[in-house]
Amino acid sequence: LIERRPVRLPPLVMLLLGCVVIAAIASAINGRMTTILRLRTVVTKVLLFALMVELISSEQMCRLAVRLVIGIASVLAFLAVASMAIYATTGYALSCDGVSDSQIKSTAFGPLLRATATLPTAQTLAHFLILATALAIFVPMRKRNRLAAILLFGVGVACTLSVGAYATFSLLLFFGPILRKPAITVPYLLGLFADRKSVV
């Protein structure tokens, strides 16, 4: 089967896999040694993407899968914001994280809930929302819907209180538009750099 139907990863899938790897490395750096041992979940995600590439063989199936991922991510982001609001107003922590020590994080604004929505950890939620953000950047959709989705996913990522997710999301917002329309963004960035260099 592998010889007859080799797995081919398009550029979008490669970008998504890159986001997963960057997020995993960031989690390992910010976490404990046990986090590094849990990187087997990265292999699982890679295998899932390979299966998706094989199973989603038609344009109609691809559009359905993308809509499903973005729709689920929108619901999860809304639940993340809602759980943060409930904790801020009532002090009740709605979290699926079984480790009580990781549910609440001390911040400059006081102790805050790390939102998980319906997923087991805040990092899992952040990873899923980052993947959905990459889809929202690259798939064809109305500009208003694209901006709304990216904003919602960004707020959801913020609710996870994950520094690694913040860095990955920022890199995605910077490089995503460049990769999406390089004919427009690359000359603009080069011109901006040239103007700044001439001023100096």
Protein backbone atom coordinates (compact mmCIF):
# COMPACT_ATOMS: atom_id res chain seq x y z
CA LEU A 1 0.00 0.00 0.00
CA ILE A 2 2.85 2.39 0.78
CA GLU A 3 4.48 1.72 -2.59
CA ARG A 4 1.25 2.30 -4.50
CA ARG A 5 0.09 5.32 -2.49
CA PRO A 6 3.06 7.17 -0.96
CA VAL A 7 2.26 9.74 1.72
CA ARG A 8 2.82 13.23 0.34
CA LEU A 9 2.73 16.16 2.73
CA PRO A 10 1.71 19.47 1.10
CA PRO A 11 3.29 22.74 2.30
CA LEU A 12 0.32 23.56 4.56
CA VAL A 13 0.62 20.25 6.39
CA MET A 14 4.37 20.78 6.72
CA LEU A 15 3.69 24.18 8.31
CA LEU A 16 1.21 22.63 10.72
CA LEU A 17 3.68 19.92 11.66
CA GLY A 18 6.29 22.61 12.21
CA CYS A 19 3.93 24.39 14.60
CA VAL A 20 3.44 21.14 16.52
CA VAL A 21 7.19 20.54 16.81
CA ILE A 22 7.89 24.14 17.89
CA ALA A 23 5.14 23.99 20.50
CA ALA A 24 6.44 20.65 21.78
CA ILE A 25 10.00 21.96 22.08
CA ALA A 26 8.74 25.07 23.88
CA SER A 27 6.76 22.88 26.27
CA ALA A 28 9.81 20.73 26.94
CA ILE A 29 11.98 23.77 27.66
CA ASN A 30 9.42 25.35 30.00
CA GLY A 31 8.36 22.09 31.61
CA ARG A 32 10.06 19.33 33.54
CA MET A 33 12.01 16.32 32.33
CA THR A 34 8.79 14.33 32.26
CA THR A 35 7.51 16.69 29.57
CA ILE A 36 10.34 15.60 27.28
CA LEU A 37 9.39 11.97 27.84
CA ARG A 38 5.84 12.80 26.81
CA LEU A 39 6.99 13.99 23.38
CA ARG A 40 5.73 10.66 22.04
CA THR A 41 2.47 12.57 21.59
CA VAL A 42 4.23 14.52 18.83
CA VAL A 43 4.73 11.24 16.96
CA THR A 44 1.03 10.54 17.38
CA LYS A 45 0.14 13.93 15.89
CA VAL A 46 2.49 13.33 12.95
CA LEU A 47 0.89 9.95 12.26
CA LEU A 48 -2.57 11.51 12.48
CA PHE A 49 -1.61 14.12 9.91
CA ALA A 50 -0.24 11.41 7.62
CA LEU A 51 -3.50 9.49 7.93
CA MET A 52 -5.47 12.67 7.22
CA VAL A 53 -3.48 13.23 4.04
CA GLU A 54 -4.29 9.69 2.93
CA LEU A 55 -7.97 9.68 3.92
CA ILE A 56 -8.87 13.19 2.75
CA SER A 57 -8.35 12.55 -0.93
CA SER A 58 -10.97 14.86 -2.48
CA GLU A 59 -11.45 18.62 -2.41
CA GLN A 60 -14.89 18.22 -0.86
CA MET A 61 -13.52 16.07 1.97
CA CYS A 62 -10.69 18.57 2.51
CA ARG A 63 -13.11 21.49 2.81
CA LEU A 64 -15.28 19.51 5.21
CA ALA A 65 -12.29 18.61 7.39
CA VAL A 66 -11.06 22.21 7.49
CA ARG A 67 -14.50 23.52 8.42
CA LEU A 68 -14.79 20.86 11.11
CA VAL A 69 -11.43 21.76 12.66
CA ILE A 70 -12.14 25.50 12.60
CA GLY A 71 -15.64 24.94 13.99
CA ILE A 72 -14.41 22.76 16.86
CA ALA A 73 -11.61 25.22 17.60
CA SER A 74 -14.12 28.08 17.75
CA VAL A 75 -16.22 26.18 20.30
CA LEU A 76 -13.15 25.31 22.37
CA ALA A 77 -11.92 28.92 22.34
CA PHE A 78 -15.34 30.14 23.46
CA LEU A 79 -15.37 27.58 26.29
CA ALA A 80 -11.88 28.67 27.32
CA VAL A 81 -12.95 32.31 27.57
CA ALA A 82 -16.13 31.31 29.42
CA SER A 83 -14.20 29.22 31.96
CA MET A 84 -11.82 32.11 32.59
CA ALA A 85 -14.76 34.49 33.10
CA ILE A 86 -16.47 32.07 35.48
CA TYR A 87 -13.30 31.69 37.54
CA ALA A 88 -12.76 35.46 37.64
CA THR A 89 -16.30 36.14 38.85
CA THR A 90 -17.07 33.12 41.05
CA GLY A 91 -13.70 31.56 41.83
CA TYR A 92 -14.93 28.18 40.56
CA ALA A 93 -12.36 26.41 38.37
CA LEU A 94 -13.91 24.62 35.41
CA SER A 95 -10.96 22.55 34.22
CA CYS A 96 -10.42 19.09 32.76
CA ASP A 97 -6.83 19.01 34.00
CA GLY A 98 -6.60 16.26 36.60
CA VAL A 99 -3.47 17.75 38.19
CA SER A 100 -4.68 20.39 40.62
CA ASP A 101 -1.27 22.10 40.83
CA SER A 102 -1.35 22.95 37.11
CA GLN A 103 -4.92 24.28 37.02
CA ILE A 104 -4.06 27.65 38.57
CA LYS A 105 -1.06 29.79 37.61
CA SER A 106 0.32 32.72 39.56
CA THR A 107 0.59 35.84 37.41
CA ALA A 108 1.13 39.57 37.86
CA PHE A 109 -2.67 39.87 37.98
CA GLY A 110 -2.95 37.25 40.70
CA PRO A 111 -3.82 33.55 40.43
CA LEU A 112 -5.55 32.76 37.13
CA LEU A 113 -7.14 29.62 35.73
CA ARG A 114 -5.35 27.88 32.87
CA ALA A 115 -8.22 27.17 30.51
CA THR A 116 -8.50 23.67 29.05
CA ALA A 117 -12.06 23.79 27.60
CA THR A 118 -12.89 20.09 27.06
CA LEU A 119 -9.27 18.98 26.54
CA PRO A 120 -7.06 17.33 29.19
CA THR A 121 -4.45 20.10 29.51
CA ALA A 122 -4.00 23.76 28.68
CA GLN A 123 -1.09 22.88 26.40
CA THR A 124 -3.29 20.54 24.37
CA LEU A 125 -5.85 23.30 23.91
CA ALA A 126 -3.15 25.77 22.89
CA HIS A 127 -1.71 23.35 20.33
CA PHE A 128 -5.11 22.71 18.78
CA LEU A 129 -5.94 26.41 18.57
CA ILE A 130 -2.56 27.14 16.97
CA LEU A 131 -3.21 24.49 14.33
CA ALA A 132 -6.65 25.97 13.69
CA THR A 133 -5.08 29.42 13.39
CA ALA A 134 -2.72 28.13 10.69
CA LEU A 135 -5.73 26.77 8.80
CA ALA A 136 -7.60 30.06 9.20
CA ILE A 137 -4.62 31.94 7.76
CA PHE A 138 -4.17 29.78 4.68
CA VAL A 139 -7.57 28.40 3.66
CA PRO A 140 -9.79 30.55 1.40
CA MET A 141 -12.45 32.44 3.36
CA ARG A 142 -13.86 35.92 3.71
CA LYS A 143 -11.45 38.42 5.21
CA ARG A 144 -13.89 39.31 8.00
CA ASN A 145 -14.36 35.67 8.95
CA ARG A 146 -10.61 35.08 8.82
CA LEU A 147 -9.84 37.97 11.16
CA ALA A 148 -12.65 36.96 13.53
CA ALA A 149 -11.39 33.37 13.69
CA ILE A 150 -7.76 34.41 14.28
CA LEU A 151 -8.83 36.86 16.99
CA LEU A 152 -11.00 34.24 18.73
CA PHE A 153 -8.24 31.64 18.58
CA GLY A 154 -5.73 34.18 19.86
CA VAL A 155 -7.90 34.95 22.88
CA GLY A 156 -8.29 31.22 23.47
CA VAL A 157 -4.52 30.74 23.37
CA ALA A 158 -4.13 33.65 25.80
CA CYS A 159 -6.46 31.89 28.23
CA THR A 160 -4.13 28.88 28.41
CA LEU A 161 -1.39 30.98 30.06
CA SER A 162 1.25 29.01 28.16
CA VAL A 163 4.41 30.99 27.36
CA GLY A 164 5.45 28.50 24.69
CA ALA A 165 2.06 28.82 23.02
CA TYR A 166 2.36 32.61 23.08
CA ALA A 167 5.71 32.41 21.28
CA THR A 168 4.44 29.90 18.71
CA PHE A 169 1.29 31.90 18.04
CA SER A 170 3.33 35.09 17.57
CA LEU A 171 5.66 33.38 15.11
CA LEU A 172 2.67 32.02 13.22
CA LEU A 173 1.10 35.47 12.95
CA PHE A 174 4.39 36.88 11.66
CA PHE A 175 5.37 34.19 9.15
CA GLY A 176 1.85 33.11 8.16
CA PRO A 177 0.97 36.16 6.02
CA ILE A 178 4.46 36.11 4.50
CA LEU A 179 4.07 32.50 3.38
CA ARG A 180 0.47 33.07 2.30
CA LYS A 181 1.21 36.00 -0.04
CA PRO A 182 4.98 36.27 -0.48
CA ALA A 183 4.63 38.36 -3.65
CA ILE A 184 3.10 41.16 -1.54
CA THR A 185 4.69 40.81 1.89
CA VAL A 186 8.32 40.08 0.93
CA PRO A 187 8.82 43.25 -1.21
CA TYR A 188 7.13 45.32 1.50
CA LEU A 189 9.43 43.95 4.21
CA LEU A 190 12.49 44.43 2.02
CA GLY A 191 11.46 48.01 1.29
CA LEU A 192 10.85 48.67 4.97
CA PHE A 193 14.25 47.26 5.84
CA ALA A 194 15.93 49.32 3.10
CA ASP A 195 14.24 52.54 4.31
CA ARG A 196 15.34 51.91 7.88
CA LYS A 197 18.89 51.16 6.76
CA SER A 198 19.04 54.36 4.71
CA VAL A 199 17.90 56.40 7.71
CA VAL A 200 20.64 54.93 9.85
